[in-house]
């Protein structure tokens, strides 16, 4: 676990730093986030219609995004895709309104204790 002094930006005496988010490779990617209006349609578009083939577990709510998220295994065995559809008028809904469906970010594993 990181010590509190490890979280401080250089030259500062207080406040955590999230500089590791911009450091290439520092936080390992757990899943690429794909914004969609409807998870079921997105699964069909990915060629995974019918029974939930490729789904890793059941869809879950992400209250920070205001979304319902379904994790799907990557076809090539690479980084999984997190399909996210809005469940409220939150961050994901705002992203869809501004940018439409498509890549919307990634879930990363923090190298520090949060």
Protein backbone atom coordinates (compact mmCIF):
# COMPACT_ATOMS: atom_id res chain seq x y z
CA UNK A 1 0.00 0.00 0.00
CA UNK A 2 1.28 3.47 -0.86
CA UNK A 3 2.26 5.82 1.93
CA UNK A 4 0.52 9.20 2.05
CA UNK A 5 3.76 10.99 1.17
CA UNK A 6 3.99 8.91 -2.02
CA UNK A 7 0.65 10.35 -3.15
CA UNK A 8 1.72 13.98 -2.93
CA UNK A 9 2.80 15.86 -6.05
CA UNK A 10 6.41 17.02 -6.03
CA UNK A 11 6.69 20.42 -4.35
CA UNK A 12 3.38 20.10 -2.50
CA UNK A 13 2.77 19.30 1.12
CA UNK A 14 -0.77 17.93 0.96
CA UNK A 15 -3.31 16.44 -1.41
CA UNK A 16 -3.22 13.15 -3.31
CA UNK A 17 -1.84 13.07 -6.83
CA UNK A 18 -3.46 11.17 -9.65
CA UNK A 19 -0.45 11.66 -11.90
CA UNK A 20 -0.18 7.90 -12.37
CA UNK A 21 -3.29 8.09 -14.59
CA UNK A 22 -1.23 9.88 -17.23
CA UNK A 23 1.80 7.62 -16.90
CA UNK A 24 1.88 5.10 -19.73
CA UNK A 25 1.41 1.61 -18.34
CA UNK A 26 1.22 2.63 -14.67
CA UNK A 27 -2.38 1.52 -14.19
CA UNK A 28 -3.13 -1.78 -15.90
CA UNK A 29 -6.26 -1.72 -18.04
CA UNK A 30 -8.94 -4.07 -16.76
CA UNK A 31 -11.47 -3.31 -19.53
CA UNK A 32 -12.06 -0.83 -22.34
CA UNK A 33 -15.29 1.10 -21.81
CA UNK A 34 -17.74 1.29 -24.74
CA UNK A 35 -20.73 3.63 -24.38
CA UNK A 36 -23.96 2.34 -25.92
CA UNK A 37 -27.64 3.19 -25.79
CA UNK A 38 -28.63 -0.46 -25.40
CA UNK A 39 -26.43 -3.33 -24.24
CA UNK A 40 -28.47 -6.04 -25.99
CA UNK A 41 -28.14 -4.32 -29.37
CA UNK A 42 -24.42 -3.75 -28.81
CA UNK A 43 -23.99 -7.47 -28.08
CA UNK A 44 -25.77 -8.26 -31.36
CA UNK A 45 -23.51 -5.81 -33.19
CA UNK A 46 -20.51 -7.63 -31.72
CA UNK A 47 -21.89 -10.89 -33.13
CA UNK A 48 -22.90 -12.24 -29.75
CA UNK A 49 -26.67 -12.41 -30.02
CA UNK A 50 -28.83 -15.07 -28.46
CA UNK A 51 -27.74 -16.45 -25.11
CA UNK A 52 -25.18 -14.27 -23.37
CA UNK A 53 -22.16 -15.83 -25.11
CA UNK A 54 -19.01 -13.95 -24.22
CA UNK A 55 -20.51 -12.24 -21.18
CA UNK A 56 -18.33 -12.40 -18.11
CA UNK A 57 -20.83 -12.55 -15.25
CA UNK A 58 -24.05 -10.56 -15.13
CA UNK A 59 -24.44 -6.82 -15.89
CA UNK A 60 -23.86 -4.63 -12.83
CA UNK A 61 -24.63 -1.03 -11.91
CA UNK A 62 -21.83 1.54 -11.85
CA UNK A 63 -23.23 4.43 -9.80
CA UNK A 64 -20.23 6.66 -10.59
CA UNK A 65 -21.02 6.50 -14.31
CA UNK A 66 -24.78 6.23 -13.90
CA UNK A 67 -24.67 3.10 -16.01
CA UNK A 68 -25.41 -0.59 -16.23
CA UNK A 69 -22.23 -2.36 -17.35
CA UNK A 70 -21.79 -5.76 -18.99
CA UNK A 71 -18.28 -7.18 -19.29
CA UNK A 72 -17.64 -9.04 -22.55
CA UNK A 73 -14.58 -11.12 -23.36
CA UNK A 74 -12.52 -9.86 -26.28
CA UNK A 75 -12.71 -11.97 -29.44
CA UNK A 76 -8.91 -12.16 -29.63
CA UNK A 77 -8.47 -12.94 -25.93
CA UNK A 78 -7.20 -9.43 -25.25
CA UNK A 79 -8.55 -6.75 -22.94
CA UNK A 80 -12.28 -7.28 -22.18
CA UNK A 81 -14.88 -4.75 -23.31
CA UNK A 82 -17.16 -3.13 -20.74
CA UNK A 83 -20.42 -2.27 -22.54
CA UNK A 84 -22.14 0.53 -20.64
CA UNK A 85 -25.70 1.80 -21.08
CA UNK A 86 -27.12 4.72 -19.09
CA UNK A 87 -29.21 3.93 -16.03
CA UNK A 88 -29.57 7.57 -14.98
CA UNK A 89 -28.83 11.05 -16.28
CA UNK A 90 -25.22 10.72 -15.15
CA UNK A 91 -21.78 10.88 -16.69
CA UNK A 92 -22.35 8.16 -19.26
CA UNK A 93 -25.58 9.75 -20.50
CA UNK A 94 -23.71 13.06 -20.90
CA UNK A 95 -20.93 11.33 -22.84
CA UNK A 96 -23.45 9.68 -25.17
CA UNK A 97 -25.25 13.01 -25.73
CA UNK A 98 -22.01 14.77 -26.63
CA UNK A 99 -20.11 12.07 -28.51
CA UNK A 100 -22.52 9.27 -29.43
CA UNK A 101 -21.81 5.58 -29.08
CA UNK A 102 -18.24 4.38 -29.02
CA UNK A 103 -15.11 4.34 -26.89
CA UNK A 104 -15.68 6.19 -23.62
CA UNK A 105 -12.69 5.33 -21.44
CA UNK A 106 -11.29 2.39 -19.56
CA UNK A 107 -11.41 0.72 -16.19
CA UNK A 108 -7.92 0.60 -14.68
CA UNK A 109 -6.40 -1.06 -11.66
CA UNK A 110 -4.91 1.55 -9.38
CA UNK A 111 -1.25 1.06 -8.44
CA UNK A 112 -1.99 2.91 -5.18
CA UNK A 113 -4.56 2.30 -2.46
CA UNK A 114 -7.64 4.43 -3.03
